[in-house]
C-alpha cells in the first residue's frame, strides 16, 4: 500500500528532495527518477503517493512516486511558438541589414549564430538531464549565454524543446538578459559603440 506525504524540500538543480509523511515521521529522500511522470518538475508542498524502498546503500527512500493530480503535459502553445520564431526572424533580418548598411563587421553575425547554437545545445542537454534526474546546467549559465548573444537560440529551444518555457522566475530573468543584450547591440550601432567594436577587432587582429 502506497504512502502519502508532502514534498517539503526540493533541489531542482540536483534533482532530489525530501518528503514528509502525512501522518508524521522522519523525512524520506526522493530522487527525480523515482517519479512515474518525469515531464513535470516536482515542487515544494506538492502531495505525493509513493512506495518505501531502499537505495543501493541500504538507505530508505521513496520510489514509484506520483503527484496528486498528475496530468499529461499540455501541448505546446502554437501562438507562443510562432511568436518566438517571428521575434528571432525579425532580429536576424535587422542584424543582417545593420551589417549591410553600417560599418558593423560581419563577425557580429557569426558571434550571434555560434552563441545561439551553443545555447540551444545547452538547453537540450539540460532537458535531457531533467528527464533522467542527472546533474542540471545552472540557470545562471543559461542566462549568461543569453546575455552574451545566445537569446535567439534560447527562445527557439524554450518552444521547440518545451524547456524553461513555464517557470516564471526564470522567464523574468531571461527577458531581462534579452533587453540588456538588445540595448548593447543598439549601442554598437552608434558612433561610440562602433568605434569600440572596431578597436576590439584591431586588438584581436594584432594579437593574432
N, C-alpha and C. Protein backbone atom coordinates (compact mmCIF):
# COMPACT_ATOMS: atom_id res chain seq x y z
N UNK A 1 0.84 -1.20 0.00
CA UNK A 1 0.00 0.00 0.00
C UNK A 1 0.87 1.25 0.00
N UNK A 2 0.56 2.17 -0.90
CA UNK A 2 1.39 3.37 -1.03
C UNK A 2 1.18 4.34 0.13
N UNK A 3 2.26 5.04 0.45
CA UNK A 3 2.23 6.06 1.48
C UNK A 3 1.90 7.41 0.84
N UNK A 4 1.50 8.37 1.66
CA UNK A 4 1.27 9.72 1.17
C UNK A 4 2.08 10.71 1.99
N UNK A 5 2.57 11.73 1.32
CA UNK A 5 3.35 12.73 2.01
C UNK A 5 3.41 14.01 1.21
N UNK A 6 4.12 15.00 1.76
CA UNK A 6 4.26 16.29 1.10
C UNK A 6 5.73 16.58 0.83
N UNK A 7 6.03 17.08 -0.36
CA UNK A 7 7.41 17.47 -0.67
C UNK A 7 7.71 18.73 0.13
N UNK A 8 8.60 18.63 1.08
CA UNK A 8 8.93 19.78 1.93
C UNK A 8 10.29 20.38 1.61
N UNK A 9 11.03 19.70 0.75
CA UNK A 9 12.34 20.23 0.33
C UNK A 9 12.65 19.68 -1.05
N UNK A 10 13.05 20.57 -1.98
CA UNK A 10 13.38 20.10 -3.32
C UNK A 10 14.50 20.93 -3.93
N UNK A 11 15.55 20.27 -4.40
CA UNK A 11 16.67 20.92 -5.09
C UNK A 11 16.56 20.57 -6.57
N UNK A 12 16.05 21.51 -7.35
CA UNK A 12 15.79 21.22 -8.76
C UNK A 12 17.07 21.01 -9.55
N UNK A 13 18.14 21.73 -9.19
CA UNK A 13 19.41 21.58 -9.91
C UNK A 13 20.01 20.19 -9.73
N UNK A 14 19.89 19.64 -8.52
CA UNK A 14 20.46 18.33 -8.23
C UNK A 14 19.47 17.19 -8.46
N UNK A 15 18.19 17.53 -8.57
CA UNK A 15 17.19 16.52 -8.91
C UNK A 15 16.77 15.62 -7.76
N UNK A 16 16.80 16.13 -6.54
CA UNK A 16 16.30 15.33 -5.42
C UNK A 16 15.74 16.23 -4.32
N UNK A 17 15.03 15.61 -3.40
CA UNK A 17 14.46 16.36 -2.29
C UNK A 17 14.00 15.42 -1.19
N UNK A 18 13.10 15.91 -0.34
CA UNK A 18 12.63 15.11 0.79
C UNK A 18 11.11 15.23 0.95
N UNK A 19 10.51 14.13 1.34
CA UNK A 19 9.07 14.05 1.58
C UNK A 19 8.82 13.90 3.07
N UNK A 20 7.85 14.67 3.59
CA UNK A 20 7.43 14.50 4.98
C UNK A 20 6.11 13.73 4.97
N UNK A 21 6.06 12.54 5.58
CA UNK A 21 4.83 11.73 5.59
C UNK A 21 3.65 12.51 6.18
N UNK A 22 2.47 12.30 5.61
CA UNK A 22 1.27 12.98 6.08
C UNK A 22 1.01 12.69 7.56
N UNK A 23 1.22 11.46 7.97
CA UNK A 23 0.97 11.08 9.35
C UNK A 23 2.10 11.43 10.30
N UNK A 24 3.13 12.10 9.78
CA UNK A 24 4.28 12.45 10.61
C UNK A 24 5.38 11.41 10.51
N UNK A 25 6.53 11.73 11.00
CA UNK A 25 7.67 10.82 10.94
C UNK A 25 8.86 11.47 10.26
N UNK A 26 9.92 10.69 10.10
CA UNK A 26 11.14 11.21 9.50
C UNK A 26 10.95 11.51 8.02
N UNK A 27 11.69 12.50 7.56
CA UNK A 27 11.65 12.83 6.14
C UNK A 27 12.23 11.70 5.32
N UNK A 28 11.70 11.52 4.13
CA UNK A 28 12.14 10.44 3.25
C UNK A 28 12.76 11.02 1.98
N UNK A 29 13.92 10.54 1.66
CA UNK A 29 14.64 11.00 0.46
C UNK A 29 13.91 10.54 -0.80
N UNK A 30 13.84 11.43 -1.81
CA UNK A 30 13.25 11.05 -3.10
C UNK A 30 14.06 11.67 -4.22
N UNK A 31 14.37 10.86 -5.22
CA UNK A 31 15.11 11.32 -6.39
C UNK A 31 14.14 11.52 -7.54
N UNK A 32 14.49 12.40 -8.46
CA UNK A 32 13.61 12.68 -9.59
C UNK A 32 13.26 11.42 -10.38
N UNK A 33 14.20 10.47 -10.44
CA UNK A 33 13.96 9.23 -11.19
C UNK A 33 12.88 8.37 -10.55
N UNK A 34 12.52 8.67 -9.29
CA UNK A 34 11.50 7.87 -8.59
C UNK A 34 10.09 8.21 -9.05
N UNK A 35 9.92 9.32 -9.76
CA UNK A 35 8.58 9.72 -10.21
C UNK A 35 8.19 8.99 -11.50
N UNK A 36 6.92 8.62 -11.56
CA UNK A 36 6.40 7.97 -12.77
C UNK A 36 6.37 8.96 -13.94
N UNK A 37 5.91 10.16 -13.65
CA UNK A 37 5.81 11.20 -14.67
C UNK A 37 6.97 12.17 -14.50
N UNK A 38 7.93 12.10 -15.42
CA UNK A 38 9.12 12.95 -15.32
C UNK A 38 9.04 14.18 -16.21
N UNK A 39 7.91 14.39 -16.84
CA UNK A 39 7.76 15.54 -17.73
C UNK A 39 7.44 16.81 -16.96
N UNK A 40 7.06 16.67 -15.69
CA UNK A 40 6.73 17.82 -14.86
C UNK A 40 7.67 17.84 -13.66
N UNK A 41 8.30 18.98 -13.42
CA UNK A 41 9.23 19.09 -12.31
C UNK A 41 8.50 19.12 -10.97
N UNK A 42 9.01 18.39 -9.97
CA UNK A 42 8.41 18.42 -8.62
C UNK A 42 8.55 19.81 -8.00
N UNK A 43 7.64 20.15 -7.11
CA UNK A 43 7.68 21.42 -6.41
C UNK A 43 7.37 21.22 -4.93
N UNK A 44 7.89 22.13 -4.12
CA UNK A 44 7.62 22.08 -2.68
C UNK A 44 6.12 22.23 -2.42
N UNK A 45 5.63 21.50 -1.43
CA UNK A 45 4.22 21.48 -0.99
C UNK A 45 3.33 20.60 -1.86
N UNK A 46 3.87 19.94 -2.86
CA UNK A 46 3.05 19.00 -3.63
C UNK A 46 2.81 17.73 -2.80
N UNK A 47 1.60 17.19 -2.90
CA UNK A 47 1.25 15.94 -2.22
C UNK A 47 1.60 14.79 -3.17
N UNK A 48 2.29 13.79 -2.65
CA UNK A 48 2.71 12.66 -3.49
C UNK A 48 2.36 11.33 -2.83
N UNK A 49 2.15 10.35 -3.69
CA UNK A 49 2.00 8.97 -3.24
C UNK A 49 3.27 8.23 -3.62
N UNK A 50 3.72 7.29 -2.78
CA UNK A 50 5.00 6.65 -3.04
C UNK A 50 5.10 5.33 -2.30
N UNK A 51 6.03 4.51 -2.76
CA UNK A 51 6.37 3.26 -2.08
C UNK A 51 7.65 3.47 -1.30
N UNK A 52 7.79 2.79 -0.21
CA UNK A 52 9.03 2.82 0.56
C UNK A 52 9.99 1.79 -0.02
N UNK A 53 11.21 2.24 -0.27
CA UNK A 53 12.20 1.36 -0.88
C UNK A 53 13.56 1.59 -0.23
N UNK A 54 14.55 0.92 -0.75
CA UNK A 54 15.93 1.08 -0.29
C UNK A 54 16.82 1.37 -1.48
N UNK A 55 17.79 2.27 -1.30
CA UNK A 55 18.73 2.53 -2.39
C UNK A 55 19.88 1.52 -2.34
N UNK A 56 20.87 1.69 -3.20
CA UNK A 56 21.98 0.74 -3.28
C UNK A 56 22.79 0.68 -1.99
N UNK A 57 22.72 1.77 -1.23
CA UNK A 57 23.48 1.81 0.03
C UNK A 57 22.65 1.34 1.22
N UNK A 58 21.40 0.92 0.93
CA UNK A 58 20.55 0.42 2.00
C UNK A 58 19.78 1.50 2.74
N UNK A 59 19.81 2.73 2.23
CA UNK A 59 19.10 3.83 2.88
C UNK A 59 17.64 3.88 2.41
N UNK A 60 16.77 4.27 3.32
CA UNK A 60 15.35 4.37 3.00
C UNK A 60 15.11 5.52 2.03
N UNK A 61 14.29 5.26 1.01
CA UNK A 61 13.97 6.30 0.03
C UNK A 61 12.60 6.02 -0.57
N UNK A 62 12.07 6.97 -1.28
CA UNK A 62 10.76 6.82 -1.93
C UNK A 62 10.97 6.31 -3.35
N UNK A 63 9.99 5.54 -3.82
CA UNK A 63 10.06 5.00 -5.18
C UNK A 63 8.64 4.91 -5.74
N UNK A 64 8.56 4.78 -7.08
CA UNK A 64 7.25 4.63 -7.73
C UNK A 64 6.30 5.74 -7.30
N UNK A 65 6.79 6.97 -7.34
CA UNK A 65 6.03 8.11 -6.82
C UNK A 65 5.19 8.79 -7.89
N UNK A 66 4.08 9.35 -7.46
CA UNK A 66 3.22 10.13 -8.35
C UNK A 66 2.62 11.28 -7.55
N UNK A 67 2.46 12.43 -8.20
CA UNK A 67 1.89 13.60 -7.54
C UNK A 67 0.37 13.59 -7.63
N UNK A 68 -0.25 14.17 -6.66
CA UNK A 68 -1.70 14.26 -6.67
C UNK A 68 -2.15 15.11 -7.85
N UNK A 69 -2.99 14.52 -8.70
CA UNK A 69 -3.50 15.26 -9.85
C UNK A 69 -2.54 15.31 -11.01
N UNK A 70 -1.59 14.37 -11.06
CA UNK A 70 -0.68 14.32 -12.20
C UNK A 70 -1.47 14.23 -13.50
N UNK A 71 -1.07 15.07 -14.44
CA UNK A 71 -1.71 15.05 -15.74
C UNK A 71 -0.66 14.98 -16.84
N UNK A 72 -1.12 14.62 -18.01
CA UNK A 72 -0.21 14.60 -19.15
C UNK A 72 0.22 16.02 -19.47
N UNK A 73 1.46 16.22 -19.93
CA UNK A 73 1.92 17.56 -20.24
C UNK A 73 1.05 18.21 -21.32
N UNK A 74 0.79 19.50 -21.15
CA UNK A 74 -0.03 20.22 -22.11
C UNK A 74 0.71 20.38 -23.44
N UNK A 75 -0.07 20.48 -24.48
CA UNK A 75 0.52 20.68 -25.80
C UNK A 75 1.13 22.07 -25.88
N UNK A 76 2.14 22.19 -26.69
CA UNK A 76 2.80 23.47 -26.85
C UNK A 76 1.84 24.49 -27.43
N UNK A 77 1.86 25.70 -26.88
CA UNK A 77 1.04 26.78 -27.39
C UNK A 77 1.59 27.22 -28.73
N UNK A 78 0.83 26.97 -29.81
CA UNK A 78 1.31 27.26 -31.15
C UNK A 78 1.55 28.75 -31.36
N UNK A 79 0.68 29.58 -30.81
CA UNK A 79 0.82 31.02 -31.00
C UNK A 79 2.11 31.52 -30.35
N UNK A 80 2.43 30.98 -29.17
CA UNK A 80 3.65 31.37 -28.47
C UNK A 80 4.87 30.93 -29.25
N UNK A 81 4.82 29.72 -29.81
CA UNK A 81 5.93 29.20 -30.60
C UNK A 81 6.13 30.03 -31.86
N UNK A 82 5.03 30.39 -32.51
CA UNK A 82 5.10 31.20 -33.73
C UNK A 82 5.68 32.57 -33.44
N UNK A 83 5.26 33.17 -32.32
CA UNK A 83 5.76 34.49 -31.93
C UNK A 83 7.26 34.45 -31.70
N UNK A 84 7.75 33.38 -31.08
CA UNK A 84 9.18 33.25 -30.82
C UNK A 84 9.97 33.20 -32.13
N UNK A 85 9.45 32.45 -33.10
CA UNK A 85 10.10 32.35 -34.40
C UNK A 85 10.11 33.71 -35.09
N UNK A 86 9.00 34.44 -34.99
CA UNK A 86 8.91 35.76 -35.61
C UNK A 86 9.92 36.73 -34.99
N UNK A 87 10.03 36.70 -33.67
CA UNK A 87 10.98 37.58 -32.97
C UNK A 87 12.40 37.30 -33.44
N UNK A 88 12.76 36.02 -33.51
CA UNK A 88 14.11 35.64 -33.94
C UNK A 88 14.34 36.05 -35.40
N UNK A 89 13.33 35.86 -36.25
CA UNK A 89 13.45 36.21 -37.67
C UNK A 89 13.61 37.72 -37.85
N UNK A 90 12.80 38.50 -37.14
CA UNK A 90 12.88 39.96 -37.24
C UNK A 90 14.24 40.46 -36.79
N UNK A 91 14.73 39.93 -35.67
CA UNK A 91 16.04 40.37 -35.18
C UNK A 91 17.14 39.97 -36.15
N UNK A 92 17.08 38.74 -36.67
CA UNK A 92 18.11 38.27 -37.60
C UNK A 92 18.13 39.14 -38.86
N UNK A 93 16.95 39.50 -39.34
CA UNK A 93 16.86 40.36 -40.51
C UNK A 93 17.45 41.74 -40.23
N UNK A 94 17.09 42.29 -39.06
CA UNK A 94 17.62 43.60 -38.66
C UNK A 94 19.13 43.56 -38.51
N UNK A 95 19.65 42.44 -37.98
CA UNK A 95 21.08 42.28 -37.79
C UNK A 95 21.80 42.27 -39.14
N UNK A 96 21.27 41.52 -40.10
CA UNK A 96 21.89 41.45 -41.42
C UNK A 96 21.85 42.81 -42.11
N UNK A 97 20.70 43.51 -42.02
CA UNK A 97 20.58 44.83 -42.63
C UNK A 97 21.53 45.84 -41.98
N UNK A 98 21.73 45.70 -40.68
CA UNK A 98 22.64 46.60 -39.97
C UNK A 98 24.07 46.41 -40.45
N UNK A 99 24.44 45.18 -40.71
CA UNK A 99 25.78 44.89 -41.20
C UNK A 99 25.97 45.43 -42.61
N UNK A 100 24.92 45.32 -43.43
CA UNK A 100 25.00 45.80 -44.82
C UNK A 100 24.97 47.32 -44.91
N UNK A 101 24.25 47.95 -44.00
CA UNK A 101 24.06 49.40 -44.08
C UNK A 101 25.04 50.21 -43.25
N UNK A 102 25.73 49.57 -42.33
CA UNK A 102 26.68 50.29 -41.48
C UNK A 102 28.06 49.64 -41.56
N UNK A 103 28.95 50.13 -40.71
CA UNK A 103 30.30 49.57 -40.67
C UNK A 103 30.41 48.41 -39.69
N UNK A 104 29.29 47.93 -39.21
CA UNK A 104 29.33 46.82 -38.26
C UNK A 104 29.90 45.57 -38.94
N UNK A 105 30.95 44.98 -38.38
CA UNK A 105 31.58 43.80 -39.00
C UNK A 105 30.67 42.57 -39.00
N UNK A 106 30.83 41.75 -40.02
CA UNK A 106 30.03 40.52 -40.14
C UNK A 106 30.33 39.55 -39.01
N UNK A 107 31.42 39.78 -38.29
CA UNK A 107 31.78 38.90 -37.17
C UNK A 107 30.68 38.90 -36.11
N UNK A 108 29.96 40.01 -35.99
CA UNK A 108 28.88 40.10 -35.01
C UNK A 108 27.80 39.06 -35.32
N UNK A 109 27.49 38.92 -36.61
CA UNK A 109 26.50 37.92 -37.02
C UNK A 109 26.98 36.51 -36.67
N UNK A 110 28.28 36.27 -36.91
CA UNK A 110 28.85 34.95 -36.61
C UNK A 110 28.79 34.67 -35.11
N UNK A 111 29.04 35.69 -34.29
CA UNK A 111 29.01 35.52 -32.84
C UNK A 111 27.60 35.16 -32.37
N UNK A 112 26.61 35.88 -32.87
CA UNK A 112 25.22 35.59 -32.51
C UNK A 112 24.84 34.16 -32.90
N UNK A 113 25.26 33.77 -34.10
CA UNK A 113 24.90 32.43 -34.58
C UNK A 113 25.55 31.34 -33.73
N UNK A 114 26.86 31.48 -33.47
CA UNK A 114 27.59 30.46 -32.72
C UNK A 114 27.09 30.36 -31.28
N UNK A 115 26.92 31.52 -30.63
CA UNK A 115 26.47 31.51 -29.23
C UNK A 115 25.04 30.99 -29.13
N UNK A 116 24.20 31.32 -30.13
CA UNK A 116 22.81 30.82 -30.13
C UNK A 116 22.78 29.31 -30.30
N UNK A 117 23.64 28.81 -31.18
CA UNK A 117 23.71 27.36 -31.39
C UNK A 117 24.18 26.67 -30.11
N UNK A 118 25.19 27.23 -29.45
CA UNK A 118 25.70 26.67 -28.20
C UNK A 118 24.60 26.71 -27.12
N UNK A 119 23.85 27.80 -27.08
CA UNK A 119 22.78 27.93 -26.10
C UNK A 119 21.69 26.89 -26.33
N UNK A 120 21.32 26.68 -27.59
CA UNK A 120 20.32 25.66 -27.91
C UNK A 120 20.79 24.28 -27.45
N UNK A 121 22.07 23.98 -27.67
CA UNK A 121 22.64 22.70 -27.27
C UNK A 121 22.59 22.55 -25.75
N UNK A 122 22.92 23.64 -25.03
CA UNK A 122 22.91 23.59 -23.57
C UNK A 122 21.50 23.37 -23.04
N UNK A 123 20.51 23.97 -23.67
CA UNK A 123 19.12 23.74 -23.28
C UNK A 123 18.74 22.27 -23.50
N UNK A 124 19.20 21.72 -24.63
CA UNK A 124 18.90 20.33 -24.94
C UNK A 124 19.54 19.39 -23.92
N UNK A 125 20.77 19.69 -23.55
CA UNK A 125 21.48 18.88 -22.55
C UNK A 125 20.76 18.96 -21.21
N UNK A 126 20.34 20.18 -20.84
CA UNK A 126 19.64 20.35 -19.56
C UNK A 126 18.28 19.66 -19.57
N UNK A 127 17.62 19.67 -20.72
CA UNK A 127 16.33 18.98 -20.85
C UNK A 127 16.52 17.48 -20.64
N UNK A 128 17.57 16.93 -21.23
CA UNK A 128 17.86 15.51 -21.08
C UNK A 128 18.19 15.18 -19.62
N UNK A 129 18.96 16.07 -18.98
CA UNK A 129 19.33 15.86 -17.58
C UNK A 129 18.09 15.91 -16.69
N UNK A 130 17.15 16.79 -17.02
CA UNK A 130 15.92 16.90 -16.24
C UNK A 130 15.09 15.62 -16.32
N UNK A 131 15.06 15.02 -17.49
CA UNK A 131 14.30 13.78 -17.68
C UNK A 131 14.93 12.61 -16.94
N UNK A 132 16.26 12.59 -16.93
CA UNK A 132 16.96 11.44 -16.35
C UNK A 132 17.36 11.64 -14.89
N UNK A 133 17.09 12.85 -14.39
CA UNK A 133 17.44 13.12 -12.99
C UNK A 133 18.93 13.30 -12.79
N UNK A 134 19.65 13.68 -13.85
CA UNK A 134 21.09 13.89 -13.75
C UNK A 134 21.39 15.32 -13.32
N UNK A 135 22.69 15.62 -13.20
CA UNK A 135 23.12 16.95 -12.77
C UNK A 135 22.69 17.99 -13.79
N UNK A 136 22.02 19.05 -13.32
CA UNK A 136 21.46 20.07 -14.20
C UNK A 136 22.45 21.18 -14.53
N UNK A 137 22.24 21.82 -15.65
CA UNK A 137 23.01 23.00 -16.02
C UNK A 137 22.50 24.17 -15.19
N UNK A 138 23.38 24.89 -14.47
CA UNK A 138 22.91 26.01 -13.64
C UNK A 138 22.16 27.04 -14.48
N UNK A 139 21.08 27.58 -13.93
CA UNK A 139 20.31 28.59 -14.65
C UNK A 139 21.16 29.82 -14.94
N UNK A 140 22.12 30.12 -14.06
CA UNK A 140 23.00 31.28 -14.28
C UNK A 140 23.80 31.11 -15.57
N UNK A 141 24.17 29.87 -15.91
CA UNK A 141 24.91 29.61 -17.14
C UNK A 141 24.03 29.88 -18.36
N UNK A 142 22.78 29.43 -18.30
CA UNK A 142 21.85 29.67 -19.41
C UNK A 142 21.58 31.16 -19.59
N UNK A 143 21.47 31.87 -18.48
CA UNK A 143 21.22 33.31 -18.56
C UNK A 143 22.45 34.05 -19.11
N UNK A 144 23.64 33.61 -18.73
CA UNK A 144 24.87 34.24 -19.23
C UNK A 144 24.98 34.08 -20.75
N UNK A 145 24.65 32.87 -21.22
CA UNK A 145 24.70 32.63 -22.66
C UNK A 145 23.69 33.51 -23.40
N UNK A 146 22.51 33.69 -22.83
CA UNK A 146 21.51 34.57 -23.44
C UNK A 146 22.00 36.00 -23.49
N UNK A 147 22.60 36.45 -22.40
CA UNK A 147 23.13 37.81 -22.33
C UNK A 147 24.26 38.02 -23.34
N UNK A 148 25.05 36.96 -23.57
CA UNK A 148 26.19 37.04 -24.49
C UNK A 148 25.78 37.00 -25.96
N UNK A 149 24.47 36.86 -26.22
CA UNK A 149 24.01 36.85 -27.61
C UNK A 149 23.31 35.56 -28.01
N UNK A 150 23.14 34.66 -27.06
CA UNK A 150 22.52 33.38 -27.39
C UNK A 150 21.02 33.34 -27.17
N UNK A 151 20.42 34.51 -26.88
CA UNK A 151 18.98 34.52 -26.58
C UNK A 151 18.11 34.05 -27.75
N UNK A 152 18.49 34.29 -29.04
CA UNK A 152 17.65 33.74 -30.11
C UNK A 152 17.60 32.20 -30.06
N UNK A 153 18.75 31.58 -29.79
CA UNK A 153 18.79 30.12 -29.66
C UNK A 153 18.02 29.65 -28.45
N UNK A 154 18.08 30.43 -27.36
CA UNK A 154 17.35 30.08 -26.14
C UNK A 154 15.84 30.16 -26.38
N UNK A 155 15.43 31.19 -27.10
CA UNK A 155 14.00 31.40 -27.36
C UNK A 155 13.43 30.24 -28.18
N UNK A 156 14.19 29.81 -29.18
CA UNK A 156 13.75 28.68 -30.01
C UNK A 156 13.74 27.39 -29.19
N UNK A 157 14.78 27.20 -28.36
CA UNK A 157 14.87 25.99 -27.54
C UNK A 157 13.72 25.89 -26.55
N UNK A 158 13.35 27.02 -25.95
CA UNK A 158 12.26 27.03 -24.98
C UNK A 158 10.96 26.53 -25.59
N UNK A 159 10.73 26.89 -26.85
CA UNK A 159 9.48 26.50 -27.51
C UNK A 159 9.57 25.11 -28.15
N UNK A 160 10.65 24.85 -28.86
CA UNK A 160 10.77 23.58 -29.57
C UNK A 160 11.03 22.41 -28.63
N UNK A 161 11.79 22.66 -27.56
CA UNK A 161 12.10 21.60 -26.60
C UNK A 161 11.14 21.60 -25.42
N UNK A 162 10.28 22.62 -25.35
CA UNK A 162 9.35 22.77 -24.23
C UNK A 162 10.11 22.74 -22.90
N UNK A 163 11.14 23.56 -22.84
CA UNK A 163 12.00 23.57 -21.66
C UNK A 163 12.21 25.00 -21.19
N UNK A 164 12.01 25.23 -19.91
CA UNK A 164 12.16 26.55 -19.29
C UNK A 164 11.16 27.55 -19.86
N UNK A 165 10.06 27.07 -20.39
CA UNK A 165 9.08 27.97 -21.01
C UNK A 165 7.92 28.32 -20.08
N UNK A 166 7.84 27.68 -18.91
CA UNK A 166 6.74 27.92 -17.99
C UNK A 166 7.19 28.46 -16.63
N UNK A 167 8.45 28.28 -16.30
CA UNK A 167 8.95 28.69 -14.99
C UNK A 167 9.08 30.22 -14.95
N UNK A 168 8.15 30.88 -14.26
CA UNK A 168 8.04 32.33 -14.32
C UNK A 168 9.29 33.08 -13.84
N UNK A 169 9.88 32.73 -12.68
CA UNK A 169 11.09 33.44 -12.25
C UNK A 169 12.21 33.37 -13.30
N UNK A 170 12.37 32.20 -13.92
CA UNK A 170 13.39 32.04 -14.95
C UNK A 170 13.07 32.94 -16.14
N UNK A 171 11.79 32.99 -16.53
CA UNK A 171 11.38 33.78 -17.69
C UNK A 171 11.63 35.27 -17.47
N UNK A 172 11.40 35.73 -16.26
CA UNK A 172 11.61 37.14 -15.96
C UNK A 172 13.09 37.52 -16.15
N UNK A 173 13.97 36.69 -15.60
CA UNK A 173 15.41 36.97 -15.74
C UNK A 173 15.84 36.82 -17.20
N UNK A 174 15.27 35.82 -17.89
CA UNK A 174 15.62 35.60 -19.29
C UNK A 174 15.32 36.84 -20.14
N UNK A 175 14.11 37.37 -20.01
CA UNK A 175 13.74 38.55 -20.79
C UNK A 175 14.57 39.76 -20.39
N UNK A 176 15.04 39.77 -19.14
CA UNK A 176 15.96 40.82 -18.72
C UNK A 176 17.26 40.75 -19.49
N UNK A 177 17.77 39.53 -19.70
CA UNK A 177 19.02 39.37 -20.47
C UNK A 177 18.81 39.75 -21.93
N UNK A 178 17.61 39.49 -22.45
CA UNK A 178 17.31 39.85 -23.85
C UNK A 178 17.34 41.37 -24.00
N UNK A 179 16.70 42.07 -23.07
CA UNK A 179 16.66 43.54 -23.13
C UNK A 179 18.06 44.13 -23.01
N UNK A 180 18.86 43.59 -22.09
CA UNK A 180 20.23 44.09 -21.92
C UNK A 180 21.07 43.84 -23.17
N UNK A 181 20.91 42.66 -23.77
CA UNK A 181 21.67 42.35 -24.98
C UNK A 181 21.27 43.26 -26.13
N UNK A 182 19.97 43.47 -26.30
CA UNK A 182 19.50 44.34 -27.38
C UNK A 182 19.94 45.79 -27.16
N UNK A 183 19.97 46.20 -25.90
CA UNK A 183 20.45 47.55 -25.58
C UNK A 183 21.91 47.70 -25.98
N UNK A 184 22.71 46.66 -25.68
CA UNK A 184 24.12 46.68 -26.07
C UNK A 184 24.28 46.67 -27.58
N UNK A 185 23.44 45.90 -28.26
CA UNK A 185 23.51 45.82 -29.72
C UNK A 185 23.19 47.17 -30.36
N UNK A 186 22.15 47.83 -29.86
CA UNK A 186 21.78 49.15 -30.39
C UNK A 186 22.90 50.15 -30.15
N UNK A 187 23.57 50.03 -28.98
CA UNK A 187 24.69 50.93 -28.69
C UNK A 187 25.83 50.74 -29.69
N UNK A 188 26.03 49.50 -30.12
CA UNK A 188 27.09 49.22 -31.10
C UNK A 188 26.83 49.91 -32.44
N UNK A 189 25.58 50.29 -32.68
CA UNK A 189 25.24 50.98 -33.93
C UNK A 189 25.55 52.46 -33.86
N UNK A 190 25.80 52.97 -32.66
CA UNK A 190 26.15 54.38 -32.51
C UNK A 190 27.62 54.59 -32.85
N UNK A 191 28.03 55.83 -33.13
CA UNK A 191 29.45 56.09 -33.45
C UNK A 191 30.40 55.61 -32.36
N UNK A 192 30.05 55.86 -31.10
CA UNK A 192 30.92 55.42 -29.99
C UNK A 192 30.97 53.90 -29.89
N UNK A 193 29.81 53.27 -30.06
CA UNK A 193 29.77 51.82 -30.00
C UNK A 193 30.52 51.17 -31.14
N UNK A 194 30.39 51.74 -32.33
CA UNK A 194 31.09 51.20 -33.49
C UNK A 194 32.60 51.36 -33.34
N UNK A 195 33.03 52.52 -32.80
CA UNK A 195 34.46 52.75 -32.58
C UNK A 195 35.00 51.75 -31.56
N UNK A 196 34.21 51.47 -30.52
CA UNK A 196 34.61 50.49 -29.51
C UNK A 196 34.76 49.11 -30.12
N UNK A 197 33.80 48.73 -30.97
CA UNK A 197 33.84 47.42 -31.62
C UNK A 197 35.04 47.31 -32.55
N UNK A 198 35.31 48.38 -33.30
CA UNK A 198 36.44 48.37 -34.22
C UNK A 198 37.77 48.25 -33.47
N UNK A 199 37.86 48.90 -32.31
CA UNK A 199 39.09 48.83 -31.52
C UNK A 199 39.34 47.41 -31.01
N UNK A 200 38.23 46.72 -30.64
CA UNK A 200 38.36 45.33 -30.19
C UNK A 200 38.85 44.44 -31.32
N UNK A 201 38.29 44.64 -32.52
CA UNK A 201 38.70 43.83 -33.67
C UNK A 201 40.16 44.07 -34.02
N UNK A 202 40.60 45.32 -33.92
CA UNK A 202 42.01 45.65 -34.21
C UNK A 202 42.92 44.95 -33.22
N UNK A 203 42.53 44.95 -31.95
CA UNK A 203 43.35 44.28 -30.92
C UNK A 203 43.40 42.76 -31.17
N UNK A 204 42.27 42.20 -31.60
CA UNK A 204 42.22 40.76 -31.89
C UNK A 204 43.15 40.42 -33.06
N UNK A 205 43.12 41.26 -34.09
CA UNK A 205 43.97 41.05 -35.26
C UNK A 205 45.44 41.16 -34.88
N UNK A 206 45.77 42.18 -34.07
CA UNK A 206 47.15 42.37 -33.65
C UNK A 206 47.66 41.21 -32.80
N UNK A 207 46.78 40.69 -31.95
CA UNK A 207 47.15 39.56 -31.11
C UNK A 207 47.36 38.30 -31.95
N UNK A 208 46.59 38.20 -33.07
CA UNK A 208 46.73 37.04 -33.95
C UNK A 208 47.99 37.07 -34.77
